[in-house]
Protein backbone atom coordinates (compact mmCIF):
# COMPACT_ATOMS: atom_id res chain seq x y z
CA MET A 1 7.23 -4.34 -17.86
CA MET A 2 8.45 -7.64 -18.78
CA ASN A 3 6.08 -10.13 -17.50
CA SER A 4 8.32 -11.84 -15.03
CA GLU A 5 7.09 -15.00 -15.30
CA THR A 6 8.98 -15.89 -18.20
CA ILE A 7 11.60 -15.01 -17.25
CA VAL A 8 13.97 -18.54 -15.59
CA VAL A 9 16.54 -17.82 -13.04
CA ALA A 10 19.39 -19.59 -12.66
CA HIS A 11 21.01 -21.39 -9.60
CA ASP A 12 23.91 -19.53 -9.89
CA VAL A 13 22.07 -16.05 -10.21
CA ALA A 14 19.96 -17.12 -7.41
CA GLU A 15 22.48 -18.10 -4.47
CA GLU A 16 23.78 -14.48 -5.20
CA ALA A 17 20.83 -12.90 -4.95
CA ALA A 18 20.22 -14.35 -1.45
CA ALA A 19 24.57 -13.92 -0.30
CA TRP A 20 23.48 -10.22 -1.29
CA LEU A 21 20.11 -10.33 0.70
CA LEU A 22 21.77 -12.28 3.72
CA ARG A 23 24.36 -8.89 3.22
CA MET A 24 21.97 -7.14 3.44
CA GLN A 25 20.15 -8.14 6.45
CA GLU A 26 23.59 -7.89 8.50
CA SER A 27 24.90 -4.09 8.12
CA PRO A 28 24.05 -1.52 5.38
CA LEU A 29 26.37 -1.50 2.41
CA ASN A 30 28.82 1.66 1.98
CA GLU A 31 29.26 3.59 -0.96
CA ALA A 32 31.64 1.20 -3.35
CA ASP A 33 28.69 -1.85 -1.82
CA GLN A 34 25.96 -0.96 -3.29
CA ALA A 35 27.94 0.33 -6.88
CA GLN A 36 28.66 -3.32 -6.42
CA PHE A 37 25.82 -4.65 -5.95
CA LYS A 38 23.85 -1.98 -8.80
CA SER A 39 26.41 -3.00 -11.80
CA TRP A 40 25.27 -6.72 -11.02
CA TYR A 41 21.66 -5.84 -10.23
CA ASN A 42 22.23 -3.88 -13.54
CA THR A 43 23.80 -7.36 -15.22
CA SER A 44 20.54 -8.90 -16.65
CA ALA A 45 16.52 -9.10 -16.76
CA MET A 46 17.13 -12.20 -14.56
CA HIS A 47 19.38 -10.55 -11.88
CA SER A 48 16.84 -8.20 -11.53
CA GLU A 49 14.03 -10.27 -11.29
CA ALA A 50 16.28 -13.30 -8.90
CA TRP A 51 16.25 -9.80 -6.80
CA ARG A 52 12.96 -9.07 -7.22
CA ARG A 53 11.93 -12.82 -5.58
CA ALA A 54 14.64 -12.19 -2.30
CA GLU A 55 12.89 -8.52 -1.67
CA LYS A 56 9.84 -10.83 -2.11
CA MET A 57 10.46 -12.96 0.08
CA LEU A 58 11.16 -11.24 2.43
CA VAL A 59 7.90 -9.57 2.83
CA LEU A 60 6.22 -12.80 3.04
CA ARG A 61 8.40 -13.84 5.99
CA GLN A 62 8.33 -17.24 4.27
CA ALA A 63 8.61 -19.10 1.22
CA PRO A 64 4.94 -19.55 -0.28
CA LYS A 65 2.53 -23.01 0.19
CA GLY A 66 3.21 -25.75 -1.28
CA LEU A 67 7.06 -24.51 -1.53
CA PRO A 68 10.09 -25.92 1.23
CA ASN A 69 8.70 -23.28 3.86
CA GLU A 70 11.07 -24.53 6.06
CA ALA A 71 13.73 -22.69 3.97
CA ILE A 72 13.06 -19.77 5.60
CA LYS A 73 11.72 -20.73 8.89
CA ARG A 74 15.46 -22.58 9.80
CA LEU A 75 17.84 -19.35 8.52
CA HIS A 76 18.63 -18.35 11.83
CA SER A 77 19.67 -22.29 12.41
CA LEU A 78 21.89 -22.50 9.17
CA ASN A 79 25.48 -21.95 8.74
CA ARG A 80 26.15 -19.64 5.84
CA ARG A 81 26.34 -21.78 2.62
CA GLN A 82 23.56 -23.66 4.05
CA ALA A 83 21.38 -20.34 4.06
CA ILE A 84 22.16 -18.64 0.75
CA LYS A 85 21.37 -22.53 -0.45
CA SER A 86 18.46 -22.85 1.15
CA LEU A 87 17.25 -19.27 0.24
CA ALA A 88 18.00 -19.82 -3.58
CA ALA A 89 16.44 -22.62 -3.85
CA VAL A 90 12.84 -20.55 -3.02
CA ILE A 91 13.88 -17.64 -5.71
CA ILE A 92 14.03 -20.15 -8.41
CA THR A 93 10.97 -21.33 -7.63
CA ALA A 94 7.96 -21.90 -10.21
CA PRO A 95 6.84 -18.26 -11.02
CA LEU A 96 3.12 -19.10 -11.01
CA ALA A 97 3.84 -20.91 -7.60
CA TRP A 98 5.21 -17.64 -6.30
CA HIS A 99 2.70 -14.91 -7.83
CA SER A 100 -0.53 -16.45 -6.52
CA ALA A 101 1.07 -17.11 -2.98
CA ILE A 102 1.59 -12.89 -2.94
CA LYS A 103 -1.29 -12.70 -4.68
CA TRP A 104 -3.30 -11.73 -2.20
CA PRO A 105 -1.21 -11.06 1.57
CA ALA A 106 -3.11 -8.56 3.17
CA TRP A 107 -3.80 -10.67 5.99
CA SER A 108 -0.47 -11.33 6.94
CA ALA A 109 0.75 -7.20 6.04
CA GLU A 110 3.65 -6.00 7.35
CA LEU A 111 1.49 -2.59 8.24
CA ARG A 112 -2.53 -3.91 8.38
CA THR A 113 -5.97 -1.29 9.91
CA GLY A 114 -9.31 -2.43 10.80
CA LYS A 115 -12.00 -0.03 11.32
CA GLN A 116 -9.07 2.44 12.08
CA ARG A 117 -6.19 4.97 10.55
CA LYS A 118 -3.10 4.28 10.84
CA VAL A 119 0.14 6.70 11.31
CA CYS A 120 3.18 4.92 10.92
CA THR A 121 6.65 6.06 10.30
CA LEU A 122 9.13 4.12 8.24
CA ASP A 123 12.78 3.68 8.19
CA ASP A 124 13.31 6.41 6.15
CA ASN A 125 11.19 8.87 8.70
CA SER A 126 9.09 9.95 5.60
CA THR A 127 5.24 9.14 7.13
CA VAL A 128 2.08 7.01 5.95
CA VAL A 129 -0.96 6.79 6.64
CA LEU A 130 -3.53 4.19 6.27
CA ASN A 131 -6.87 4.54 6.38
CA ALA A 132 -9.92 1.75 7.49
CA ASP A 133 -9.53 -1.90 5.66
CA SER A 134 -5.48 -0.83 4.35
CA ALA A 135 -2.62 -3.10 4.43
CA VAL A 136 0.95 -2.89 3.09
CA ASP A 137 4.42 -4.18 3.05
CA ILE A 138 7.10 -2.15 3.40
CA ALA A 139 10.08 -3.70 1.00
CA PHE A 140 13.29 -1.54 1.48
CA SER A 141 16.36 -2.39 -0.23
CA ALA A 142 19.73 -0.65 -0.60
CA ILE A 143 18.43 0.74 -4.34
CA GLU A 144 15.19 1.09 -2.93
CA ARG A 145 12.28 2.40 -0.83
CA ARG A 146 8.70 0.00 -2.09
CA LEU A 147 5.91 0.17 -0.88
CA LEU A 148 2.90 -2.52 -1.40
CA LEU A 149 -0.48 -1.62 -1.40
CA HIS A 150 -2.46 -4.46 -1.64
CA ALA A 151 -5.77 -3.37 0.02
CA GLY A 152 -7.37 0.19 1.33
CA GLU A 153 -5.50 3.58 0.80
CA ILE A 154 -2.41 5.52 2.23
CA LEU A 155 -0.83 8.94 2.17
CA ILE A 156 2.71 8.95 1.90
CA THR A 157 4.63 12.45 2.99
CA THR A 158 8.13 11.77 1.76
CA HIS A 159 11.51 12.70 3.62
CA SER A 160 14.95 12.83 2.30
CA ASP A 161 16.59 9.48 2.49
CA SER A 162 19.19 9.67 4.41
CA TYR A 163 20.39 5.92 3.25
CA SER A 164 21.08 6.88 -0.01
CA LYS A 165 20.10 10.24 -1.80
CA ASN A 166 19.35 8.20 -4.82
CA ARG A 167 16.67 5.33 -3.38
CA PRO A 168 13.80 6.44 -4.87
CA PHE A 169 10.56 5.46 -3.28
CA LEU A 170 7.94 3.39 -4.99
CA VAL A 171 4.30 2.47 -4.46
CA GLU A 172 3.42 -0.39 -5.70
CA THR A 173 -0.61 -1.71 -6.18
CA GLY A 174 -1.77 -4.28 -8.37
CA GLN A 175 -2.60 -2.00 -11.86
CA GLY A 176 1.05 -0.83 -11.86
CA LEU A 177 3.93 1.76 -9.95
CA VAL A 178 4.24 5.13 -8.51
CA GLN A 179 7.29 7.04 -7.83
CA ALA A 180 7.31 10.21 -5.71
CA LEU A 181 8.91 13.04 -7.15
CA GLY A 182 9.51 14.95 -3.56
CA THR A 183 5.88 14.47 -2.27
CA ARG A 184 2.81 14.22 -0.45
CA PHE A 185 0.92 11.68 -2.19
CA SER A 186 -1.72 9.30 -1.58
CA VAL A 187 -2.80 5.86 -2.79
CA LYS A 188 -5.89 3.55 -3.33
CA THR A 189 -6.29 0.79 -4.69
CA GLN A 190 -10.21 -0.82 -4.77
CA ASP A 191 -11.07 -3.79 -7.24
CA ASP A 192 -9.06 -3.96 -10.30
CA THR A 193 -8.47 0.13 -9.98
CA SER A 194 -5.27 2.29 -8.59
CA SER A 195 -6.71 5.75 -7.72
CA VAL A 196 -3.15 8.67 -6.46
CA ALA A 197 -3.92 11.83 -5.98
CA VAL A 198 -1.13 14.38 -5.55
CA TYR A 199 -1.27 17.19 -2.56
CA GLU A 200 2.38 18.56 -2.90
CA LYS A 201 5.03 18.89 -5.84
CA ALA A 202 4.67 15.65 -8.18
CA VAL A 203 5.26 11.95 -9.22
CA SER A 204 4.74 9.32 -12.29
CA ILE A 205 3.03 6.45 -12.59
CA GLU A 206 3.57 3.23 -15.14
CA SER A 207 0.65 1.01 -15.24
CA LEU A 208 1.58 -2.85 -15.63
CA SER A 209 0.45 -2.19 -19.21
CA SER A 210 3.56 0.73 -19.60
CA GLN A 211 1.23 3.50 -20.03
CA ARG A 212 3.15 6.20 -18.04
CA ILE A 213 2.14 9.45 -16.50
CA GLU A 214 3.47 12.22 -14.77
CA LEU A 215 1.08 13.87 -11.82
CA SER A 216 1.36 17.40 -10.58
CA ALA A 217 0.23 18.57 -7.65
CA GLY A 218 -3.84 19.55 -7.28
CA GLN A 219 -4.57 16.67 -9.72
CA GLN A 220 -5.97 13.27 -8.98
CA ILE A 221 -6.09 10.24 -11.58
CA LYS A 222 -7.47 6.46 -11.11
CA PHE A 223 -5.97 3.54 -13.67
CA SER A 224 -5.88 0.23 -14.65
CA THR A 225 -3.70 -2.43 -15.46
CA HIS A 226 -4.64 -1.50 -19.25
CA LYS A 227 -6.03 1.99 -19.43
CA MET A 228 -5.13 5.33 -17.30
CA GLU A 229 -7.85 8.07 -16.99
CA ARG A 230 -7.33 11.11 -17.81
CA PRO A 231 -6.14 13.65 -14.67
CA ASN A 232 -8.83 15.84 -12.58
CA ILE A 233 -8.26 18.18 -9.84
CA ILE A 234 -8.08 17.19 -6.29
CA SER A 235 -12.01 17.79 -4.43
CA GLN A 236 -11.35 20.03 -1.45
CA GLY A 237 -11.27 18.20 2.01
CA ALA A 238 -9.63 14.94 0.05
CA ASP A 239 -7.15 13.93 2.13
CA ALA A 240 -9.32 14.82 5.47
CA TRP A 241 -9.15 11.34 5.78
CA SER A 242 -5.67 11.28 6.88
CA LYS A 243 -5.84 14.19 9.37
CA GLY A 244 -9.39 12.46 11.13
CA PHE A 245 -12.04 14.23 9.55
CA PHE A 246 -14.85 13.85 6.60
CA ALA A 247 -15.90 16.56 4.41
CA ALA A 248 -19.35 16.30 4.00
CA ASP A 249 -20.75 19.13 0.88
CA GLN A 250 -23.90 18.39 0.20
CA ILE A 251 -24.08 14.60 0.03
CA GLU A 252 -26.47 12.17 0.86
CA LEU A 253 -26.99 11.80 4.55
CA GLN A 254 -27.25 8.26 2.79
CA ALA A 255 -24.18 8.17 1.63
CA LEU A 256 -22.69 10.01 4.44
CA ALA A 257 -23.45 6.91 7.01
CA ARG A 258 -22.09 4.65 4.63
CA HIS A 259 -18.45 6.57 4.96
CA LEU A 260 -18.69 6.89 8.53
CA ALA A 261 -19.71 2.81 8.65
CA GLN A 262 -15.82 2.42 7.27
CA TYR A 263 -14.91 3.86 10.21
CA ARG A 264 -17.24 1.20 12.77
CA HIS A 265 -17.96 -1.93 14.04
CA GLY A 266 -21.48 -2.60 12.88
CA PHE A 267 -23.84 -1.24 10.52
CA ILE A 268 -25.56 2.25 10.20
CA ARG A 269 -29.10 2.39 8.13
CA VAL A 270 -30.97 5.20 7.34
CA HIS A 271 -34.51 5.81 7.18
CA PRO A 272 -36.59 6.08 3.96
CA ASP A 273 -37.70 8.99 4.05
CA ILE A 274 -34.11 11.00 4.58
CA ALA A 275 -32.20 9.31 2.90
CA THR A 276 -31.46 12.02 0.14
CA LEU A 277 -31.51 14.97 2.76
CA PRO A 278 -28.22 16.44 1.93
CA ILE A 279 -25.32 16.62 4.63
CA SER A 280 -22.30 19.55 4.66
CA GLY A 281 -20.07 19.42 7.11
CA THR A 282 -17.14 18.12 9.51
CA PHE A 283 -17.62 14.79 10.77
CA SER A 284 -14.61 12.94 13.32
CA ILE A 285 -14.22 8.94 11.80
CA ASP A 286 -11.58 9.04 14.80
CA ASP A 287 -14.51 9.19 16.80
CA THR A 288 -18.28 8.47 14.96
CA ASP A 289 -20.56 8.76 17.75
CA SER A 290 -19.39 12.01 18.03
CA ALA A 291 -19.95 12.45 14.58
CA LEU A 292 -23.38 11.34 14.56
CA SER A 293 -24.19 13.14 18.09
CA LEU A 294 -22.88 16.06 16.12
CA LEU A 295 -25.43 15.24 13.16
CA GLU A 296 -28.32 14.83 15.36
CA LYS A 297 -27.79 18.31 16.62
CA THR A 298 -27.84 19.88 13.02
CA ARG A 299 -29.79 18.34 11.67
CA PRO A 300 -33.73 17.14 11.87
CA VAL A 301 -32.99 13.62 12.74
CA SER A 302 -32.34 11.20 15.87
CA ILE A 303 -29.94 8.46 15.48
CA ASP A 304 -31.38 5.37 17.81
CA ARG A 305 -28.47 3.11 19.21
CA ARG A 306 -30.59 0.48 21.20
CA LEU A 307 -29.95 -2.56 19.28
CA PRO A 308 -25.55 -3.94 19.53
CA PHE A 309 -24.25 -3.10 16.25
CA LEU A 310 -27.01 -1.44 14.94
CA VAL A 311 -27.71 2.73 14.81
CA MET A 312 -30.36 2.95 12.95
CA ILE A 313 -31.22 6.72 12.03
CA ASN A 314 -34.33 8.22 11.94
CA PRO A 315 -36.53 11.60 11.03
CA ARG A 316 -36.86 13.57 13.77
C-alpha cells in the first residue's frame, strides 16, 4: 500500500473529487456514471487519494481541527460551484493534519456502544453487531462498502448488494484491511493489533505492510501492521457475544468476572480464595445481574451487591 501522506493532490483533481462527492450525495449513480467514476478513480494514485480524503471527510462530518471547518458547515448555504471549491480546499489540506484528525475519531463515530451490544442493519441490508465499547464509521460509496473500525469488536453478516454487484465489502482497522468474500466474520481491534475470525465462507486480509492472507470458515488470525500470525481454529462459542451470551469453558472465576464487567457499570471484585475457581456455563452479557445470580445458584459463591457500582463475589 502506498503511503498516502506522500501524495500531493492537485487543485483540479481535488475539485473533481468534490464534484463526484456532491453528485453521489444527490442521487445514486447509474451504470454509465459508475463506469465513468471508476475510470476517473483509477486514473492515478492522486485521484484515488483525493477520493479517499473526500470519503474520510464525510465520515468525520466536519473538517479536521485547524482546517477550514466552515467548508463543511456552510455547504448547504453555498451554490454548487462554491461548495466544490470549499470541499476541494479541505481535500488538498496537509495529509499529516488530516491523519491526526482521523486517527482516533471513536468519540464521534457514527455507530458506537458503551456497556452494551448493538445490532444495526446497513443500507445494503448487511448486519453488523457491535460489542461493548466499540466504535465504527460507515463509508459506503459507488465503488465499495467500507466500515472503519476505530475501537472494539464487530461481527458482520454480509448481504447481496442491490446497489451494485461489484462493490466489495471492506473493514478497515489501524493495522490493515479485511475484505469479505460473501461471509459472516468478526473483526476486533485492540492496542496495536487486529483479530479476524471467519464463521462462514472466507475473507482476505491485507496488512498495512502489504502482507496478505485468505482465511476460510473456522479460522481466526491476529495481525499487526508488520506481523501476521499463523491462523488457528476458532474456539467453540467464540461468537456467542453477538447473541448476548458468554460461553465459559473451565475458565477461572476471576476471568469470568473481568468479562462480565465489560457489560456493566461499576466494578466486580472476586475474593482471592475463589479467584481460580473453574467455571463452565453460558452467561448472559445483556443482563449481567442474571448472570451473577446464576453463578450464585450453581457455584459455592455469594454475591454482595450492597455498595453502589461494586459487586463482591465471596466464598459461601
